[in-house]
Structure formats: structure tokens, C-alpha cells
């Protein structure tokens, strides 16, 4: 009955993931490859966490 009030645990993480991808794209376009690599690594780590949580939910 109250299931509709439960929040999606990965919703906030996905938002953060998308923001990191956007930030990485901007760094790449500006030629800052060091920042691009660092941000991409962070986003990949976050994506792994999201996948782990979603596999645990099923």
C-alpha cells in the first residue's frame, strides 16, 4: 500500500552519474585530458555501484 512512497535508491546516484558524464565531456572538449580521465574513472566507479544496487534489488 505504501510502496509508492518508497524512493528509488539509485535515482540520486543516476543523477550524479549523468552530471559526472557531462563534466567529463566539457573537460574533454576543453582539452583537459587529465581531468577527463579522473572524472571518467569516478563515473565508472559510481556506475558499478549503481549496477550492484540494482542487481541486489531483483
PDB file of N, CA and C in Angstrom:
ATOM      1  N   UNK A   1       0.804  -1.192   0.000  1.00  0.00           N
ATOM      2  CA  UNK A   1       0.000   0.000   0.000  1.00  0.00           C
ATOM      3  C   UNK A   1       0.856   1.268   0.000  1.00  0.00           C
ATOM      4  N   UNK A   2       1.886   1.234   0.819  1.00  0.00           N
ATOM      5  CA  UNK A   2       2.742   2.420   0.913  1.00  0.00           C
ATOM      6  C   UNK A   2       3.993   2.297   0.053  1.00  0.00           C
ATOM      7  N   UNK A   3       4.025   1.320  -0.829  1.00  0.00           N
ATOM      8  CA  UNK A   3       5.160   1.126  -1.717  1.00  0.00           C
ATOM      9  C   UNK A   3       5.401   2.304  -2.642  1.00  0.00           C
ATOM     10  N   UNK A   4       4.343   3.041  -2.939  1.00  0.00           N
ATOM     11  CA  UNK A   4       4.509   4.171  -3.847  1.00  0.00           C
ATOM     12  C   UNK A   4       5.277   5.326  -3.207  1.00  0.00           C
ATOM     13  N   UNK A   5       5.417   5.278  -1.872  1.00  0.00           N
ATOM     14  CA  UNK A   5       6.140   6.343  -1.182  1.00  0.00           C
ATOM     15  C   UNK A   5       7.625   6.028  -1.025  1.00  0.00           C
ATOM     16  N   UNK A   6       8.009   4.796  -1.327  1.00  0.00           N
ATOM     17  CA  UNK A   6       9.419   4.423  -1.251  1.00  0.00           C
ATOM     18  C   UNK A   6      10.179   5.078  -2.393  1.00  0.00           C
ATOM     19  N   UNK A   7      11.324   5.639  -2.065  1.00  0.00           N
ATOM     20  CA  UNK A   7      12.125   6.281  -3.105  1.00  0.00           C
ATOM     21  C   UNK A   7      13.050   5.259  -3.751  1.00  0.00           C
ATOM     22  N   UNK A   8      13.403   5.535  -4.966  1.00  0.00           N
ATOM     23  CA  UNK A   8      14.329   4.693  -5.697  1.00  0.00           C
ATOM     24  C   UNK A   8      15.734   5.009  -5.192  1.00  0.00           C
ATOM     25  N   UNK A   9      16.451   4.030  -4.630  1.00  0.00           N
ATOM     26  CA  UNK A   9      17.768   4.321  -4.045  1.00  0.00           C
ATOM     27  C   UNK A   9      18.815   4.756  -5.065  1.00  0.00           C
ATOM     28  N   UNK A  10      18.619   4.408  -6.314  1.00  0.00           N
ATOM     29  CA  UNK A  10      19.624   4.763  -7.319  1.00  0.00           C
ATOM     30  C   UNK A  10      19.282   6.035  -8.076  1.00  0.00           C
ATOM     31  N   UNK A  11      18.139   6.617  -7.817  1.00  0.00           N
ATOM     32  CA  UNK A  11      17.721   7.814  -8.556  1.00  0.00           C
ATOM     33  C   UNK A  11      18.729   8.957  -8.372  1.00  0.00           C
ATOM     34  N   UNK A  12      19.120   9.200  -7.143  1.00  0.00           N
ATOM     35  CA  UNK A  12      20.077  10.274  -6.855  1.00  0.00           C
ATOM     36  C   UNK A  12      21.451   9.938  -7.448  1.00  0.00           C
ATOM     37  N   UNK A  13      21.814   8.662  -7.374  1.00  0.00           N
ATOM     38  CA  UNK A  13      23.108   8.237  -7.902  1.00  0.00           C
ATOM     39  C   UNK A  13      23.156   8.389  -9.422  1.00  0.00           C
ATOM     40  N   UNK A  14      22.050   8.068 -10.093  1.00  0.00           N
ATOM     41  CA  UNK A  14      21.999   8.216 -11.549  1.00  0.00           C
ATOM     42  C   UNK A  14      22.113   9.682 -11.959  1.00  0.00           C
ATOM     43  N   UNK A  15      21.499  10.555 -11.166  1.00  0.00           N
ATOM     44  CA  UNK A  15      21.592  11.984 -11.434  1.00  0.00           C
ATOM     45  C   UNK A  15      23.047  12.450 -11.313  1.00  0.00           C
ATOM     46  N   UNK A  16      23.713  11.972 -10.273  1.00  0.00           N
ATOM     47  CA  UNK A  16      25.116  12.312 -10.059  1.00  0.00           C
ATOM     48  C   UNK A  16      25.984  11.731 -11.185  1.00  0.00           C
ATOM     49  N   UNK A  17      25.668  10.526 -11.620  1.00  0.00           N
ATOM     50  CA  UNK A  17      26.396   9.877 -12.708  1.00  0.00           C
ATOM     51  C   UNK A  17      26.291  10.698 -13.996  1.00  0.00           C
ATOM     52  N   UNK A  18      25.078  11.134 -14.311  1.00  0.00           N
ATOM     53  CA  UNK A  18      24.876  11.947 -15.508  1.00  0.00           C
ATOM     54  C   UNK A  18      25.615  13.274 -15.417  1.00  0.00           C
ATOM     55  N   UNK A  19      25.650  13.861 -14.225  1.00  0.00           N
ATOM     56  CA  UNK A  19      26.380  15.115 -14.041  1.00  0.00           C
ATOM     57  C   UNK A  19      27.881  14.900 -14.252  1.00  0.00           C
ATOM     58  N   UNK A  20      28.393  13.771 -13.776  1.00  0.00           N
ATOM     59  CA  UNK A  20      29.811  13.467 -13.971  1.00  0.00           C
ATOM     60  C   UNK A  20      30.137  13.274 -15.456  1.00  0.00           C
ATOM     61  N   UNK A  21      29.247  12.604 -16.183  1.00  0.00           N
ATOM     62  CA  UNK A  21      29.476  12.418 -17.613  1.00  0.00           C
ATOM     63  C   UNK A  21      29.506  13.759 -18.341  1.00  0.00           C
ATOM     64  N   UNK A  22      28.601  14.638 -17.955  1.00  0.00           N
ATOM     65  CA  UNK A  22      28.551  15.976 -18.563  1.00  0.00           C
ATOM     66  C   UNK A  22      29.840  16.747 -18.261  1.00  0.00           C
ATOM     67  N   UNK A  23      30.276  16.655 -17.015  1.00  0.00           N
ATOM     68  CA  UNK A  23      31.504  17.336 -16.589  1.00  0.00           C
ATOM     69  C   UNK A  23      32.718  16.785 -17.345  1.00  0.00           C
ATOM     70  N   UNK A  24      32.754  15.478 -17.538  1.00  0.00           N
ATOM     71  CA  UNK A  24      33.853  14.839 -18.264  1.00  0.00           C
ATOM     72  C   UNK A  24      33.863  15.283 -19.727  1.00  0.00           C
ATOM     73  N   UNK A  25      32.679  15.388 -20.313  1.00  0.00           N
ATOM     74  CA  UNK A  25      32.583  15.818 -21.705  1.00  0.00           C
ATOM     75  C   UNK A  25      33.130  17.237 -21.870  1.00  0.00           C
ATOM     76  N   UNK A  26      32.778  18.121 -20.936  1.00  0.00           N
ATOM     77  CA  UNK A  26      33.256  19.504 -21.001  1.00  0.00           C
ATOM     78  C   UNK A  26      34.778  19.545 -20.866  1.00  0.00           C
ATOM     79  N   UNK A  27      35.308  18.752 -19.937  1.00  0.00           N
ATOM     80  CA  UNK A  27      36.765  18.710 -19.758  1.00  0.00           C
ATOM     81  C   UNK A  27      37.453  18.212 -21.028  1.00  0.00           C
ATOM     82  N   UNK A  28      36.874  17.198 -21.666  1.00  0.00           N
ATOM     83  CA  UNK A  28      37.454  16.654 -22.895  1.00  0.00           C
ATOM     84  C   UNK A  28      37.420  17.696 -24.009  1.00  0.00           C
ATOM     85  N   UNK A  29      36.322  18.394 -24.131  1.00  0.00           N
ATOM     86  CA  UNK A  29      36.208  19.419 -25.182  1.00  0.00           C
ATOM     87  C   UNK A  29      37.189  20.560 -24.979  1.00  0.00           C
ATOM     88  N   UNK A  30      37.519  20.829 -23.709  1.00  0.00           N
ATOM     89  CA  UNK A  30      38.474  21.888 -23.406  1.00  0.00           C
ATOM     90  C   UNK A  30      39.920  21.406 -23.501  1.00  0.00           C
ATOM     91  N   UNK A  31      40.115  20.132 -23.782  1.00  0.00           N
ATOM     92  CA  UNK A  31      41.456  19.591 -23.942  1.00  0.00           C
ATOM     93  C   UNK A  31      42.130  19.210 -22.643  1.00  0.00           C
ATOM     94  N   UNK A  32      41.391  19.181 -21.562  1.00  0.00           N
ATOM     95  CA  UNK A  32      41.951  18.816 -20.255  1.00  0.00           C
ATOM     96  C   UNK A  32      41.793  17.311 -20.059  1.00  0.00           C
ATOM     97  N   UNK A  33      42.702  16.563 -20.633  1.00  0.00           N
ATOM     98  CA  UNK A  33      42.582  15.112 -20.647  1.00  0.00           C
ATOM     99  C   UNK A  33      42.815  14.488 -19.269  1.00  0.00           C
ATOM    100  N   UNK A  34      43.602  15.143 -18.430  1.00  0.00           N
ATOM    101  CA  UNK A  34      43.830  14.628 -17.076  1.00  0.00           C
ATOM    102  C   UNK A  34      42.528  14.648 -16.275  1.00  0.00           C
ATOM    103  N   UNK A  35      41.834  15.757 -16.330  1.00  0.00           N
ATOM    104  CA  UNK A  35      40.554  15.871 -15.626  1.00  0.00           C
ATOM    105  C   UNK A  35      39.524  14.934 -16.235  1.00  0.00           C
ATOM    106  N   UNK A  36      39.531  14.836 -17.545  1.00  0.00           N
ATOM    107  CA  UNK A  36      38.602  13.939 -18.233  1.00  0.00           C
ATOM    108  C   UNK A  36      38.788  12.509 -17.737  1.00  0.00           C
ATOM    109  N   UNK A  37      40.034  12.061 -17.651  1.00  0.00           N
ATOM    110  CA  UNK A  37      40.317  10.694 -17.209  1.00  0.00           C
ATOM    111  C   UNK A  37      39.883  10.482 -15.761  1.00  0.00           C
ATOM    112  N   UNK A  38      40.159  11.459 -14.918  1.00  0.00           N
ATOM    113  CA  UNK A  38      39.804  11.352 -13.497  1.00  0.00           C
ATOM    114  C   UNK A  38      38.282  11.299 -13.315  1.00  0.00           C
ATOM    115  N   UNK A  39      37.581  12.172 -13.995  1.00  0.00           N
ATOM    116  CA  UNK A  39      36.125  12.233 -13.868  1.00  0.00           C
ATOM    117  C   UNK A  39      35.486  10.982 -14.466  1.00  0.00           C
ATOM    118  N   UNK A  40      36.023  10.497 -15.568  1.00  0.00           N
ATOM    119  CA  UNK A  40      35.506   9.284 -16.187  1.00  0.00           C
ATOM    120  C   UNK A  40      35.680   8.094 -15.245  1.00  0.00           C
ATOM    121  N   UNK A  41      36.812   8.031 -14.581  1.00  0.00           N
ATOM    122  CA  UNK A  41      37.056   6.957 -13.616  1.00  0.00           C
ATOM    123  C   UNK A  41      36.039   7.022 -12.470  1.00  0.00           C
ATOM    124  N   UNK A  42      35.773   8.235 -11.977  1.00  0.00           N
ATOM    125  CA  UNK A  42      34.775   8.403 -10.915  1.00  0.00           C
ATOM    126  C   UNK A  42      33.401   7.944 -11.385  1.00  0.00           C
ATOM    127  N   UNK A  43      33.054   8.311 -12.612  1.00  0.00           N
ATOM    128  CA  UNK A  43      31.735   7.949 -13.132  1.00  0.00           C
ATOM    129  C   UNK A  43      31.622   6.436 -13.310  1.00  0.00           C
ATOM    130  N   UNK A  44      32.687   5.778 -13.734  1.00  0.00           N
ATOM    131  CA  UNK A  44      32.661   4.325 -13.903  1.00  0.00           C
ATOM    132  C   UNK A  44      32.511   3.621 -12.558  1.00  0.00           C
ATOM    133  N   UNK A  45      33.154   4.154 -11.531  1.00  0.00           N
ATOM    134  CA  UNK A  45      33.016   3.597 -10.188  1.00  0.00           C
ATOM    135  C   UNK A  45      31.583   3.743  -9.697  1.00  0.00           C
ATOM    136  N   UNK A  46      31.021   4.907  -9.904  1.00  0.00           N
ATOM    137  CA  UNK A  46      29.640   5.160  -9.498  1.00  0.00           C
ATOM    138  C   UNK A  46      28.687   4.246 -10.263  1.00  0.00           C
ATOM    139  N   UNK A  47      28.936   4.047 -11.555  1.00  0.00           N
ATOM    140  CA  UNK A  47      28.078   3.174 -12.352  1.00  0.00           C
ATOM    141  C   UNK A  47      28.135   1.740 -11.829  1.00  0.00           C
ATOM    142  N   UNK A  48      29.307   1.287 -11.412  1.00  0.00           N
ATOM    143  CA  UNK A  48      29.446  -0.054 -10.844  1.00  0.00           C
ATOM    144  C   UNK A  48      28.610  -0.183  -9.574  1.00  0.00           C
ATOM    145  N   UNK A  49      28.616   0.859  -8.748  1.00  0.00           N
ATOM    146  CA  UNK A  49      27.820   0.849  -7.527  1.00  0.00           C
ATOM    147  C   UNK A  49      26.327   0.796  -7.850  1.00  0.00           C
ATOM    148  N   UNK A  50      25.909   1.560  -8.848  1.00  0.00           N
ATOM    149  CA  UNK A  50      24.502   1.568  -9.255  1.00  0.00           C
ATOM    150  C   UNK A  50      24.092   0.173  -9.726  1.00  0.00           C
ATOM    151  N   UNK A  51      24.927  -0.447 -10.542  1.00  0.00           N
ATOM    152  CA  UNK A  51      24.617  -1.784 -11.050  1.00  0.00           C
ATOM    153  C   UNK A  51      24.524  -2.802  -9.917  1.00  0.00           C
ATOM    154  N   UNK A  52      25.424  -2.690  -8.942  1.00  0.00           N
ATOM    155  CA  UNK A  52      25.410  -3.616  -7.807  1.00  0.00           C
ATOM    156  C   UNK A  52      24.124  -3.476  -6.995  1.00  0.00           C
ATOM    157  N   UNK A  53      23.692  -2.245  -6.778  1.00  0.00           N
ATOM    158  CA  UNK A  53      22.465  -2.000  -6.017  1.00  0.00           C
ATOM    159  C   UNK A  53      21.263  -2.532  -6.782  1.00  0.00           C
ATOM    160  N   UNK A  54      21.223  -2.277  -8.084  1.00  0.00           N
ATOM    161  CA  UNK A  54      20.080  -2.712  -8.878  1.00  0.00           C
ATOM    162  C   UNK A  54      20.018  -4.235  -8.993  1.00  0.00           C
ATOM    163  N   UNK A  55      21.150  -4.903  -9.034  1.00  0.00           N
ATOM    164  CA  UNK A  55      21.147  -6.368  -9.059  1.00  0.00           C
ATOM    165  C   UNK A  55      20.666  -6.925  -7.727  1.00  0.00           C
ATOM    166  N   UNK A  56      20.969  -6.227  -6.654  1.00  0.00           N
ATOM    167  CA  UNK A  56      20.538  -6.661  -5.328  1.00  0.00           C
ATOM    168  C   UNK A  56      19.056  -6.488  -5.104  1.00  0.00           C
ATOM    169  N   UNK A  57      18.434  -5.542  -5.821  1.00  0.00           N
ATOM    170  CA  UNK A  57      17.009  -5.272  -5.665  1.00  0.00           C
ATOM    171  C   UNK A  57      16.155  -6.367  -6.297  1.00  0.00           C
ATOM    172  N   UNK A  58      16.669  -7.043  -7.283  1.00  0.00           N
ATOM    173  CA  UNK A  58      15.855  -8.007  -8.033  1.00  0.00           C
ATOM    174  C   UNK A  58      15.821  -9.347  -7.390  1.00  0.00           C
TER     175      UNK A  58
END
